N, C-alpha and C. Protein backbone atom coordinates (compact mmCIF):
# COMPACT_ATOMS: atom_id res chain seq x y z
N GLY A 1 0.34 36.11 81.97
CA GLY A 1 -1.06 35.93 81.83
C GLY A 1 -1.57 36.70 80.64
N THR A 2 -2.83 36.55 80.37
CA THR A 2 -3.47 37.22 79.24
C THR A 2 -4.80 37.78 79.68
N ALA A 3 -5.10 38.99 79.24
CA ALA A 3 -6.41 39.59 79.49
C ALA A 3 -6.99 39.97 78.14
N THR A 4 -8.26 39.64 77.92
CA THR A 4 -8.92 39.98 76.67
C THR A 4 -10.10 40.89 76.96
N ILE A 5 -10.17 41.99 76.21
CA ILE A 5 -11.27 42.95 76.35
C ILE A 5 -12.00 42.98 75.02
N THR A 6 -13.32 42.78 75.07
CA THR A 6 -14.14 42.85 73.87
C THR A 6 -15.17 43.95 74.05
N GLY A 7 -15.28 44.81 73.05
CA GLY A 7 -16.26 45.89 73.11
C GLY A 7 -17.19 45.84 71.91
N LYS A 8 -18.44 46.23 72.11
CA LYS A 8 -19.43 46.28 71.02
C LYS A 8 -20.10 47.63 71.05
N TYR A 9 -20.48 48.10 69.87
CA TYR A 9 -21.19 49.36 69.74
C TYR A 9 -22.46 49.12 68.96
N LYS A 10 -23.59 49.34 69.61
CA LYS A 10 -24.91 49.19 68.98
C LYS A 10 -25.09 47.84 68.28
N GLY A 11 -24.43 46.83 68.80
CA GLY A 11 -24.62 45.47 68.29
C GLY A 11 -24.01 45.20 66.93
N THR A 12 -23.38 46.18 66.28
CA THR A 12 -22.83 45.93 64.96
C THR A 12 -21.31 46.00 64.94
N ALA A 13 -20.75 47.06 65.44
CA ALA A 13 -19.29 47.20 65.43
C ALA A 13 -18.72 46.58 66.69
N SER A 14 -17.61 45.91 66.56
CA SER A 14 -16.97 45.33 67.74
C SER A 14 -15.46 45.39 67.58
N ALA A 15 -14.78 45.34 68.69
CA ALA A 15 -13.32 45.32 68.70
C ALA A 15 -12.87 44.40 69.83
N LYS A 16 -11.73 43.78 69.63
CA LYS A 16 -11.20 42.87 70.63
C LYS A 16 -9.73 43.20 70.83
N LEU A 17 -9.30 43.31 72.07
CA LEU A 17 -7.91 43.60 72.40
C LEU A 17 -7.43 42.54 73.38
N THR A 18 -6.32 41.93 73.07
CA THR A 18 -5.72 40.96 73.97
C THR A 18 -4.40 41.53 74.45
N VAL A 19 -4.23 41.60 75.75
CA VAL A 19 -3.00 42.10 76.35
C VAL A 19 -2.32 40.94 77.06
N LYS A 20 -1.03 40.79 76.79
CA LYS A 20 -0.26 39.74 77.44
C LYS A 20 0.68 40.41 78.43
N PHE A 21 0.85 39.83 79.58
CA PHE A 21 1.76 40.41 80.56
C PHE A 21 2.60 39.32 81.19
N VAL A 22 3.79 39.74 81.62
CA VAL A 22 4.73 38.81 82.24
C VAL A 22 5.26 39.43 83.52
N LEU A 23 5.71 38.60 84.43
CA LEU A 23 6.34 39.10 85.65
C LEU A 23 7.81 39.32 85.40
N SER A 24 8.32 40.41 85.91
CA SER A 24 9.71 40.78 85.74
C SER A 24 10.28 41.19 87.09
N PRO A 25 11.55 40.93 87.37
CA PRO A 25 12.12 41.30 88.67
C PRO A 25 11.97 42.80 88.96
N GLY A 26 11.79 43.14 90.23
CA GLY A 26 11.80 44.56 90.59
C GLY A 26 10.75 45.01 91.57
N GLY A 27 9.66 44.32 91.74
CA GLY A 27 8.59 44.76 92.64
C GLY A 27 8.88 44.40 94.08
N ASN A 28 8.00 44.80 95.00
CA ASN A 28 8.18 44.49 96.42
C ASN A 28 8.25 42.99 96.67
N ASP A 29 7.52 42.22 95.88
CA ASP A 29 7.54 40.77 96.05
C ASP A 29 8.55 40.12 95.11
N GLY A 30 9.44 40.95 94.52
CA GLY A 30 10.43 40.41 93.59
C GLY A 30 9.98 40.44 92.15
N SER A 31 8.77 40.97 91.90
CA SER A 31 8.31 41.00 90.52
C SER A 31 7.44 42.24 90.27
N THR A 32 7.38 42.62 89.02
CA THR A 32 6.47 43.67 88.58
C THR A 32 5.78 43.15 87.33
N ILE A 33 4.64 43.70 87.02
CA ILE A 33 3.94 43.29 85.81
C ILE A 33 4.39 44.21 84.68
N VAL A 34 4.80 43.62 83.58
CA VAL A 34 5.14 44.39 82.40
C VAL A 34 4.21 43.95 81.27
N PHE A 35 3.80 44.89 80.44
CA PHE A 35 2.86 44.59 79.38
C PHE A 35 3.58 44.50 78.05
N CYS A 36 3.29 43.47 77.31
CA CYS A 36 3.91 43.24 76.01
C CYS A 36 2.81 42.81 75.05
N ASP A 37 2.97 43.16 73.79
CA ASP A 37 1.98 42.72 72.81
C ASP A 37 2.60 42.75 71.42
N ILE A 38 2.05 41.94 70.55
CA ILE A 38 2.45 41.93 69.14
C ILE A 38 1.20 41.60 68.33
N SER A 39 1.00 42.34 67.26
CA SER A 39 -0.12 42.06 66.36
C SER A 39 0.40 42.13 64.94
N ILE A 40 -0.25 41.38 64.05
CA ILE A 40 0.17 41.39 62.65
C ILE A 40 -1.02 41.63 61.75
N ALA A 41 -0.76 42.22 60.60
CA ALA A 41 -1.80 42.53 59.62
C ALA A 41 -1.14 42.69 58.26
N PRO A 42 -1.94 42.56 57.20
CA PRO A 42 -1.38 42.89 55.88
C PRO A 42 -0.98 44.36 55.87
N LYS A 43 0.03 44.69 55.07
CA LYS A 43 0.43 46.08 54.92
C LYS A 43 -0.81 46.88 54.49
N VAL A 44 -0.90 48.13 54.92
CA VAL A 44 -2.08 48.96 54.64
C VAL A 44 -2.43 48.89 53.15
N GLY A 45 -3.71 48.60 52.90
CA GLY A 45 -4.21 48.54 51.53
C GLY A 45 -4.08 47.19 50.86
N ALA A 46 -3.40 46.24 51.50
CA ALA A 46 -3.20 44.91 50.90
C ALA A 46 -4.32 43.96 51.32
N SER A 47 -4.68 43.09 50.41
CA SER A 47 -5.69 42.06 50.69
C SER A 47 -5.01 40.80 51.19
N PRO A 48 -5.63 40.09 52.17
CA PRO A 48 -5.04 38.84 52.63
C PRO A 48 -5.34 37.66 51.70
N GLU A 49 -5.75 37.96 50.45
CA GLU A 49 -5.96 36.92 49.44
C GLU A 49 -4.97 37.15 48.32
N ILE A 50 -4.15 36.12 48.03
CA ILE A 50 -3.20 36.21 46.92
C ILE A 50 -3.29 34.95 46.08
N GLU A 51 -2.91 35.08 44.81
CA GLU A 51 -2.99 33.94 43.90
C GLU A 51 -2.02 32.84 44.30
N ALA A 52 -2.49 31.60 44.17
CA ALA A 52 -1.68 30.42 44.50
C ALA A 52 -0.87 30.02 43.28
N ASP A 53 0.11 30.87 42.94
CA ASP A 53 0.93 30.61 41.75
C ASP A 53 2.41 30.44 42.07
N GLY A 54 2.76 30.48 43.35
CA GLY A 54 4.16 30.35 43.75
C GLY A 54 4.97 31.61 43.56
N GLU A 55 4.32 32.70 43.13
CA GLU A 55 5.02 33.96 42.89
C GLU A 55 4.35 35.15 43.57
N ALA A 56 3.04 35.10 43.76
CA ALA A 56 2.32 36.22 44.36
C ALA A 56 2.80 36.43 45.79
N SER A 57 2.77 37.69 46.24
CA SER A 57 3.28 37.98 47.58
C SER A 57 2.34 38.87 48.36
N LEU A 58 2.50 38.82 49.67
CA LEU A 58 1.74 39.65 50.60
C LEU A 58 2.73 40.21 51.61
N ASP A 59 2.78 41.54 51.71
CA ASP A 59 3.62 42.18 52.71
C ASP A 59 2.86 42.26 54.03
N ILE A 60 3.51 41.82 55.10
CA ILE A 60 2.89 41.74 56.42
C ILE A 60 3.69 42.60 57.39
N VAL A 61 2.97 43.32 58.26
CA VAL A 61 3.62 44.16 59.26
C VAL A 61 3.24 43.67 60.65
N ALA A 62 4.24 43.56 61.51
CA ALA A 62 4.02 43.24 62.93
C ALA A 62 4.23 44.52 63.72
N THR A 63 3.29 44.85 64.58
CA THR A 63 3.43 46.00 65.48
C THR A 63 3.75 45.43 66.86
N VAL A 64 4.87 45.87 67.43
CA VAL A 64 5.41 45.26 68.64
C VAL A 64 5.51 46.29 69.76
N PHE A 65 4.96 45.92 70.93
CA PHE A 65 5.04 46.77 72.11
C PHE A 65 5.85 46.06 73.17
N GLY A 66 6.80 46.77 73.74
CA GLY A 66 7.70 46.20 74.74
C GLY A 66 7.14 46.26 76.14
N ALA A 67 8.01 45.97 77.10
CA ALA A 67 7.62 45.83 78.50
C ALA A 67 7.02 47.10 79.09
N ASP A 68 7.40 48.27 78.58
CA ASP A 68 6.87 49.52 79.12
C ASP A 68 5.61 49.98 78.41
N GLY A 69 5.10 49.17 77.47
CA GLY A 69 3.89 49.53 76.73
C GLY A 69 4.16 50.42 75.55
N ALA A 70 5.40 50.88 75.39
CA ALA A 70 5.78 51.71 74.26
C ALA A 70 6.23 50.81 73.11
N PRO A 71 6.35 51.35 71.89
CA PRO A 71 6.86 50.52 70.80
C PRO A 71 8.17 49.85 71.21
N ALA A 72 8.34 48.62 70.76
CA ALA A 72 9.54 47.85 71.12
C ALA A 72 10.80 48.61 70.71
N PRO A 73 11.88 48.43 71.47
CA PRO A 73 13.13 49.11 71.14
C PRO A 73 13.62 48.73 69.74
N GLU A 74 14.34 49.67 69.11
CA GLU A 74 14.94 49.40 67.81
C GLU A 74 15.77 48.12 67.89
N GLY A 75 15.65 47.28 66.86
CA GLY A 75 16.46 46.08 66.80
C GLY A 75 15.91 44.88 67.55
N THR A 76 14.67 44.97 68.06
CA THR A 76 14.06 43.81 68.73
C THR A 76 13.84 42.72 67.68
N SER A 77 14.28 41.51 67.96
CA SER A 77 14.15 40.39 67.03
C SER A 77 12.71 39.88 67.00
N VAL A 78 12.16 39.73 65.80
CA VAL A 78 10.80 39.22 65.59
C VAL A 78 10.88 38.07 64.59
N THR A 79 10.21 36.96 64.91
CA THR A 79 10.17 35.81 64.01
C THR A 79 8.74 35.61 63.51
N PHE A 80 8.59 35.55 62.18
CA PHE A 80 7.31 35.24 61.53
C PHE A 80 7.32 33.76 61.19
N GLU A 81 6.16 33.12 61.29
CA GLU A 81 6.02 31.70 60.92
C GLU A 81 4.75 31.52 60.13
N THR A 82 4.76 30.58 59.17
CA THR A 82 3.57 30.24 58.40
C THR A 82 3.48 28.73 58.24
N ASN A 83 2.29 28.25 57.91
CA ASN A 83 2.11 26.82 57.68
C ASN A 83 2.07 26.47 56.19
N ASP A 84 2.17 27.49 55.31
CA ASP A 84 2.15 27.26 53.86
C ASP A 84 2.80 28.45 53.18
N GLY A 85 3.30 28.24 51.98
CA GLY A 85 4.02 29.30 51.28
C GLY A 85 5.43 29.39 51.82
N SER A 86 6.06 30.54 51.62
CA SER A 86 7.42 30.77 52.11
C SER A 86 7.63 32.26 52.29
N PHE A 87 8.71 32.61 52.97
CA PHE A 87 9.05 34.02 53.16
C PHE A 87 10.21 34.39 52.24
N ALA A 88 10.24 35.64 51.85
CA ALA A 88 11.34 36.14 51.02
C ALA A 88 11.96 37.35 51.71
N PRO A 89 13.28 37.47 51.72
CA PRO A 89 14.20 36.47 51.17
C PRO A 89 14.22 35.22 52.03
N THR A 90 14.48 34.09 51.40
CA THR A 90 14.47 32.81 52.09
C THR A 90 15.63 32.73 53.08
N GLN A 91 15.33 32.23 54.27
CA GLN A 91 16.35 31.96 55.28
C GLN A 91 16.48 30.44 55.38
N SER A 92 17.08 29.92 56.43
CA SER A 92 17.33 28.48 56.51
C SER A 92 16.05 27.64 56.48
N ASP A 93 14.97 28.15 57.03
CA ASP A 93 13.68 27.45 57.02
C ASP A 93 12.70 28.35 56.26
N PRO A 94 12.21 27.93 55.09
CA PRO A 94 11.32 28.80 54.30
C PRO A 94 9.99 29.13 54.99
N LEU A 95 9.62 28.38 56.03
CA LEU A 95 8.38 28.66 56.76
C LEU A 95 8.58 29.65 57.90
N LYS A 96 9.82 30.11 58.11
CA LYS A 96 10.13 31.08 59.16
C LYS A 96 10.95 32.22 58.58
N TYR A 97 10.78 33.39 59.18
CA TYR A 97 11.56 34.55 58.77
C TYR A 97 11.82 35.40 60.00
N THR A 98 13.09 35.69 60.28
CA THR A 98 13.45 36.50 61.43
C THR A 98 14.03 37.82 60.95
N THR A 99 13.54 38.90 61.56
CA THR A 99 13.98 40.25 61.23
C THR A 99 13.99 41.07 62.51
N ILE A 100 14.25 42.36 62.40
CA ILE A 100 14.26 43.23 63.58
C ILE A 100 13.30 44.40 63.40
N THR A 101 12.92 44.98 64.55
CA THR A 101 11.99 46.12 64.51
C THR A 101 12.71 47.41 64.16
N ARG A 102 11.93 48.29 63.55
CA ARG A 102 12.30 49.68 63.33
C ARG A 102 11.06 50.49 63.68
N LYS A 103 11.21 51.40 64.63
CA LYS A 103 10.08 52.21 65.10
C LYS A 103 8.90 51.35 65.53
N GLY A 104 9.20 50.23 66.19
CA GLY A 104 8.17 49.35 66.74
C GLY A 104 7.48 48.45 65.74
N GLU A 105 7.99 48.39 64.50
CA GLU A 105 7.38 47.52 63.49
C GLU A 105 8.43 46.62 62.84
N ALA A 106 7.98 45.45 62.41
CA ALA A 106 8.82 44.52 61.67
C ALA A 106 8.02 44.05 60.45
N TYR A 107 8.72 43.79 59.36
CA TYR A 107 8.06 43.45 58.11
C TYR A 107 8.52 42.11 57.58
N ALA A 108 7.61 41.41 56.89
CA ALA A 108 7.92 40.16 56.22
C ALA A 108 7.13 40.10 54.92
N ARG A 109 7.66 39.37 53.95
CA ARG A 109 6.96 39.16 52.68
C ARG A 109 6.67 37.67 52.54
N LEU A 110 5.37 37.33 52.49
CA LEU A 110 4.93 35.95 52.31
C LEU A 110 4.72 35.69 50.83
N ILE A 111 5.31 34.62 50.32
CA ILE A 111 5.15 34.21 48.93
C ILE A 111 4.20 33.01 48.91
N SER A 112 3.22 33.05 48.02
CA SER A 112 2.25 31.95 47.97
C SER A 112 2.91 30.65 47.51
N SER A 113 2.25 29.55 47.84
CA SER A 113 2.61 28.27 47.24
C SER A 113 1.66 28.08 46.06
N GLU A 114 1.67 26.90 45.47
CA GLU A 114 0.72 26.63 44.38
C GLU A 114 -0.49 25.87 44.89
N ASN A 115 -0.65 25.81 46.23
CA ASN A 115 -1.80 25.14 46.84
C ASN A 115 -2.93 26.14 47.04
N VAL A 116 -4.09 25.87 46.44
CA VAL A 116 -5.25 26.72 46.67
C VAL A 116 -5.82 26.34 48.04
N THR A 117 -5.82 27.29 48.97
CA THR A 117 -6.28 27.00 50.33
C THR A 117 -6.70 28.28 51.04
N ASP A 118 -7.62 28.16 51.97
CA ASP A 118 -7.99 29.31 52.80
C ASP A 118 -7.54 29.08 54.25
N ASN A 119 -6.60 28.17 54.43
CA ASN A 119 -6.14 27.84 55.78
C ASN A 119 -4.68 28.20 56.03
N VAL A 120 -4.20 29.27 55.40
CA VAL A 120 -2.83 29.69 55.64
C VAL A 120 -2.84 30.59 56.88
N LEU A 121 -2.02 30.23 57.85
CA LEU A 121 -1.93 31.01 59.09
C LEU A 121 -0.52 31.56 59.23
N VAL A 122 -0.43 32.85 59.56
CA VAL A 122 0.86 33.49 59.81
C VAL A 122 0.82 34.03 61.23
N ARG A 123 1.90 33.80 61.97
CA ARG A 123 2.04 34.32 63.33
C ARG A 123 3.40 35.02 63.43
N ALA A 124 3.51 35.88 64.42
CA ALA A 124 4.80 36.52 64.72
C ALA A 124 5.02 36.42 66.21
N GLN A 125 6.28 36.39 66.62
CA GLN A 125 6.60 36.28 68.04
C GLN A 125 7.89 37.01 68.36
N PHE A 126 8.03 37.39 69.64
CA PHE A 126 9.26 38.01 70.12
C PHE A 126 9.40 37.73 71.60
N ILE A 127 10.58 38.00 72.14
CA ILE A 127 10.85 37.82 73.56
C ILE A 127 10.67 39.16 74.25
N CYS A 128 9.83 39.20 75.28
CA CYS A 128 9.55 40.43 76.01
C CYS A 128 10.06 40.30 77.45
N GLY A 129 10.58 41.39 77.96
CA GLY A 129 10.98 41.42 79.36
C GLY A 129 12.33 40.79 79.64
N GLY A 130 13.07 40.49 78.59
CA GLY A 130 14.39 39.89 78.79
C GLY A 130 15.39 40.92 79.27
N ASP A 131 16.36 40.47 79.99
CA ASP A 131 17.46 41.30 80.46
C ASP A 131 18.47 41.43 79.33
N PRO A 132 18.89 42.66 78.97
CA PRO A 132 19.86 42.82 77.89
C PRO A 132 21.17 42.07 78.13
N ASP A 133 21.46 41.73 79.40
CA ASP A 133 22.69 41.00 79.70
C ASP A 133 22.50 39.49 79.64
N GLY A 134 21.43 39.05 78.98
CA GLY A 134 21.26 37.62 78.77
C GLY A 134 20.17 36.97 79.59
N GLY A 135 19.44 37.74 80.40
CA GLY A 135 18.34 37.16 81.17
C GLY A 135 17.20 36.74 80.25
N THR A 136 16.37 35.85 80.72
CA THR A 136 15.28 35.37 79.88
C THR A 136 14.04 36.22 80.07
N GLY A 137 13.24 36.28 79.06
CA GLY A 137 11.96 36.98 79.10
C GLY A 137 10.87 36.00 78.74
N ALA A 138 9.73 36.54 78.34
CA ALA A 138 8.60 35.69 77.97
C ALA A 138 8.40 35.73 76.46
N LEU A 139 8.08 34.58 75.89
CA LEU A 139 7.78 34.50 74.47
C LEU A 139 6.36 35.02 74.26
N ILE A 140 6.20 36.07 73.46
CA ILE A 140 4.91 36.67 73.18
C ILE A 140 4.59 36.38 71.72
N GLU A 141 3.41 35.78 71.46
CA GLU A 141 3.02 35.39 70.10
C GLU A 141 1.75 36.12 69.70
N SER A 142 1.70 36.54 68.44
CA SER A 142 0.51 37.22 67.92
C SER A 142 -0.63 36.24 67.72
N LEU A 143 -1.82 36.78 67.61
CA LEU A 143 -2.93 36.00 67.12
C LEU A 143 -2.65 35.71 65.65
N PRO A 144 -3.19 34.63 65.08
CA PRO A 144 -2.86 34.31 63.69
C PRO A 144 -3.52 35.27 62.70
N LEU A 145 -2.80 35.57 61.63
CA LEU A 145 -3.34 36.28 60.48
C LEU A 145 -3.77 35.20 59.50
N GLU A 146 -5.03 35.24 59.08
CA GLU A 146 -5.54 34.25 58.14
C GLU A 146 -5.37 34.78 56.72
N VAL A 147 -4.69 33.97 55.89
CA VAL A 147 -4.42 34.34 54.50
C VAL A 147 -5.01 33.26 53.61
N LYS A 148 -5.50 33.66 52.44
CA LYS A 148 -6.03 32.71 51.47
C LYS A 148 -5.16 32.72 50.23
N PHE A 149 -4.82 31.51 49.74
CA PHE A 149 -4.17 31.37 48.45
C PHE A 149 -5.28 30.96 47.49
N ILE A 150 -5.65 31.86 46.59
CA ILE A 150 -6.79 31.63 45.70
C ILE A 150 -6.32 31.16 44.32
N ALA A 151 -7.26 30.55 43.59
CA ALA A 151 -6.93 30.05 42.25
C ALA A 151 -6.45 31.19 41.37
N PRO A 152 -5.36 30.97 40.65
CA PRO A 152 -4.85 32.02 39.76
C PRO A 152 -5.85 32.33 38.65
N LYS A 153 -5.87 33.57 38.23
CA LYS A 153 -6.72 33.97 37.12
C LYS A 153 -6.16 33.38 35.84
N PRO A 154 -7.04 32.96 34.93
CA PRO A 154 -6.54 32.40 33.65
C PRO A 154 -5.73 33.47 32.90
N ARG A 155 -4.62 33.04 32.33
CA ARG A 155 -3.78 33.93 31.55
C ARG A 155 -4.18 33.83 30.07
N PRO A 156 -4.25 34.95 29.39
CA PRO A 156 -4.61 34.89 27.96
C PRO A 156 -3.52 34.16 27.16
N ARG A 157 -3.96 33.36 26.22
CA ARG A 157 -3.02 32.65 25.35
C ARG A 157 -2.62 33.57 24.21
N LEU A 158 -1.36 33.50 23.86
CA LEU A 158 -0.87 34.34 22.76
C LEU A 158 -0.79 33.56 21.48
């Protein structure tokens, strides 16, 4: 299930937190609730607007919390997906990039396409609550990060 909490302060500042939870074996009724979450954002200080030149890049960080609410274990697999541009280094599908967490974070580099658009969406996902011996868990997906590919600045002629 999902629970969303929205808070406002004096009508101007607001924050929204979405918590996803899954049932896992172990409780009196055969299940316990475990909390998992993943969020993505541009790397600190980076703008989500990059030039649509096929070369500009945006570093993205996913923050991943595992079943116990603590940062995800080292080596948790995270997959990033986009609807435009590509990830570097390129893997088999340029619209997807799979990596692992370190200290609860995973990183990806999005490379712009040459399409000027404000509808680029990036998501990240991981499996939470899985049994290390091959049991299944729940697929947890981030809210989308909205990225804009803006018109390149004119280059001076030499």
